[in-house]
Amino acid sequence: MKIYDYNGKKNICGNRVREARQKLRLSQSELAAQLQINGIILERDSISRIEAGTRFVADYEVRVLAEILKVDIVWLLSEED
């Protein structure tokens, strides 16, 4: 499967994921643990790669990330201010 880049990144939500995670004072490991509780098996390094924009994020992962981070999916996927 070919995964394309968008403006040099594999996702557009990484910066927003980092921002929301830090606002909740969650570490990357804690976020990974919360994702695993919700059925998304990711390790801390995967969270790091998402935030850096070097990992593709599936739509079901975005949905669960939004729930855990207590943000709207549209906000996660919107351009930065």
C-alpha atoms as a PDB file:
ATOM      1  CA  MET A   1       0.000   0.000   0.000  1.00  0.00           C
ATOM      2  CA  LYS A   2       1.346   3.411  -0.983  1.00  0.00           C
ATOM      3  CA  ILE A   3       0.972   6.094   1.678  1.00  0.00           C
ATOM      4  CA  TYR A   4       1.248   9.597   0.328  1.00  0.00           C
ATOM      5  CA  ASP A   5       2.696  12.671   1.923  1.00  0.00           C
ATOM      6  CA  TYR A   6       0.788  15.922   2.345  1.00  0.00           C
ATOM      7  CA  ASN A   7       3.103  18.909   2.530  1.00  0.00           C
ATOM      8  CA  GLY A   8       5.925  16.567   3.513  1.00  0.00           C
ATOM      9  CA  LYS A   9       4.001  14.821   6.297  1.00  0.00           C
ATOM     10  CA  LYS A  10       2.036  11.615   6.560  1.00  0.00           C
ATOM     11  CA  ASN A  11      -0.726  13.186   8.670  1.00  0.00           C
ATOM     12  CA  ILE A  12      -2.200  16.606   9.399  1.00  0.00           C
ATOM     13  CA  CYS A  13      -3.230  15.966  13.000  1.00  0.00           C
ATOM     14  CA  GLY A  14       0.151  15.392  14.663  1.00  0.00           C
ATOM     15  CA  ASN A  15       0.687  18.928  15.927  1.00  0.00           C
ATOM     16  CA  ARG A  16      -2.864  19.062  17.276  1.00  0.00           C
ATOM     17  CA  VAL A  17      -2.443  15.681  18.980  1.00  0.00           C
ATOM     18  CA  ARG A  18       0.686  16.996  20.737  1.00  0.00           C
ATOM     19  CA  GLU A  19      -1.066  20.236  21.725  1.00  0.00           C
ATOM     20  CA  ALA A  20      -4.108  18.458  23.189  1.00  0.00           C
ATOM     21  CA  ARG A  21      -1.975  15.813  24.923  1.00  0.00           C
ATOM     22  CA  GLN A  22       0.187  18.442  26.581  1.00  0.00           C
ATOM     23  CA  LYS A  23      -2.866  20.451  27.629  1.00  0.00           C
ATOM     24  CA  LEU A  24      -4.137  17.357  29.464  1.00  0.00           C
ATOM     25  CA  ARG A  25      -0.641  16.795  30.883  1.00  0.00           C
ATOM     26  CA  LEU A  26      -0.448  13.294  29.428  1.00  0.00           C
ATOM     27  CA  SER A  27       2.861  11.737  28.479  1.00  0.00           C
ATOM     28  CA  GLN A  28       3.161   9.908  25.183  1.00  0.00           C
ATOM     29  CA  SER A  29       3.271   6.644  27.149  1.00  0.00           C
ATOM     30  CA  GLU A  30       0.071   7.534  29.007  1.00  0.00           C
ATOM     31  CA  LEU A  31      -1.691   8.389  25.747  1.00  0.00           C
ATOM     32  CA  ALA A  32      -0.534   5.085  24.236  1.00  0.00           C
ATOM     33  CA  ALA A  33      -1.899   3.253  27.284  1.00  0.00           C
ATOM     34  CA  GLN A  34      -5.269   5.027  26.956  1.00  0.00           C
ATOM     35  CA  LEU A  35      -5.401   4.104  23.270  1.00  0.00           C
ATOM     36  CA  GLN A  36      -4.661   0.461  24.131  1.00  0.00           C
ATOM     37  CA  ILE A  37      -7.488   0.447  26.690  1.00  0.00           C
ATOM     38  CA  ASN A  38      -9.741   1.632  23.864  1.00  0.00           C
ATOM     39  CA  GLY A  39      -8.605  -1.109  21.479  1.00  0.00           C
ATOM     40  CA  ILE A  40      -5.984   0.801  19.478  1.00  0.00           C
ATOM     41  CA  ILE A  41      -2.655  -0.964  19.915  1.00  0.00           C
ATOM     42  CA  LEU A  42       0.053   1.707  19.640  1.00  0.00           C
ATOM     43  CA  GLU A  43       3.313   2.120  21.511  1.00  0.00           C
ATOM     44  CA  ARG A  44       4.888   5.347  22.749  1.00  0.00           C
ATOM     45  CA  ASP A  45       7.148   5.570  19.699  1.00  0.00           C
ATOM     46  CA  SER A  46       4.079   5.486  17.442  1.00  0.00           C
ATOM     47  CA  ILE A  47       2.659   8.492  19.300  1.00  0.00           C
ATOM     48  CA  SER A  48       5.994  10.254  18.803  1.00  0.00           C
ATOM     49  CA  ARG A  49       5.902   9.504  15.076  1.00  0.00           C
ATOM     50  CA  ILE A  50       2.283  10.705  14.804  1.00  0.00           C
ATOM     51  CA  GLU A  51       3.218  13.980  16.489  1.00  0.00           C
ATOM     52  CA  ALA A  52       6.256  14.353  14.206  1.00  0.00           C
ATOM     53  CA  GLY A  53       4.093  13.700  11.145  1.00  0.00           C
ATOM     54  CA  THR A  54       6.027  10.619  10.069  1.00  0.00           C
ATOM     55  CA  ARG A  55       3.247   8.084  10.718  1.00  0.00           C
ATOM     56  CA  PHE A  56      -0.031   7.710   8.882  1.00  0.00           C
ATOM     57  CA  VAL A  57      -3.092   7.966  11.165  1.00  0.00           C
ATOM     58  CA  ALA A  58      -6.139   5.852  10.283  1.00  0.00           C
ATOM     59  CA  ASP A  59      -9.615   7.336  10.579  1.00  0.00           C
ATOM     60  CA  TYR A  60     -10.543   5.023  13.460  1.00  0.00           C
ATOM     61  CA  GLU A  61      -7.400   6.144  15.305  1.00  0.00           C
ATOM     62  CA  VAL A  62      -8.364   9.813  14.841  1.00  0.00           C
ATOM     63  CA  ARG A  63     -11.807   9.092  16.294  1.00  0.00           C
ATOM     64  CA  VAL A  64     -10.382   7.453  19.423  1.00  0.00           C
ATOM     65  CA  LEU A  65      -7.651  10.091  19.786  1.00  0.00           C
ATOM     66  CA  ALA A  66     -10.321  12.810  19.743  1.00  0.00           C
ATOM     67  CA  GLU A  67     -12.302  11.006  22.447  1.00  0.00           C
ATOM     68  CA  ILE A  68      -9.299  10.482  24.716  1.00  0.00           C
ATOM     69  CA  LEU A  69      -7.939  13.994  24.184  1.00  0.00           C
ATOM     70  CA  LYS A  70     -11.425  15.511  24.681  1.00  0.00           C
ATOM     71  CA  VAL A  71     -11.341  17.448  21.428  1.00  0.00           C
ATOM     72  CA  ASP A  72     -13.466  17.573  18.307  1.00  0.00           C
ATOM     73  CA  ILE A  73     -12.336  15.492  15.333  1.00  0.00           C
ATOM     74  CA  VAL A  74     -12.688  18.547  13.087  1.00  0.00           C
ATOM     75  CA  TRP A  75     -10.272  20.457  15.334  1.00  0.00           C
ATOM     76  CA  LEU A  76      -7.728  17.618  15.099  1.00  0.00           C
ATOM     77  CA  LEU A  77      -7.925  17.718  11.327  1.00  0.00           C
ATOM     78  CA  SER A  78      -8.003  21.495  10.860  1.00  0.00           C
ATOM     79  CA  GLU A  79      -5.111  23.716   9.884  1.00  0.00           C
ATOM     80  CA  GLU A  80      -3.196  25.359  12.677  1.00  0.00           C
ATOM     81  CA  ASP A  81      -4.096  28.911  13.658  1.00  0.00           C
END
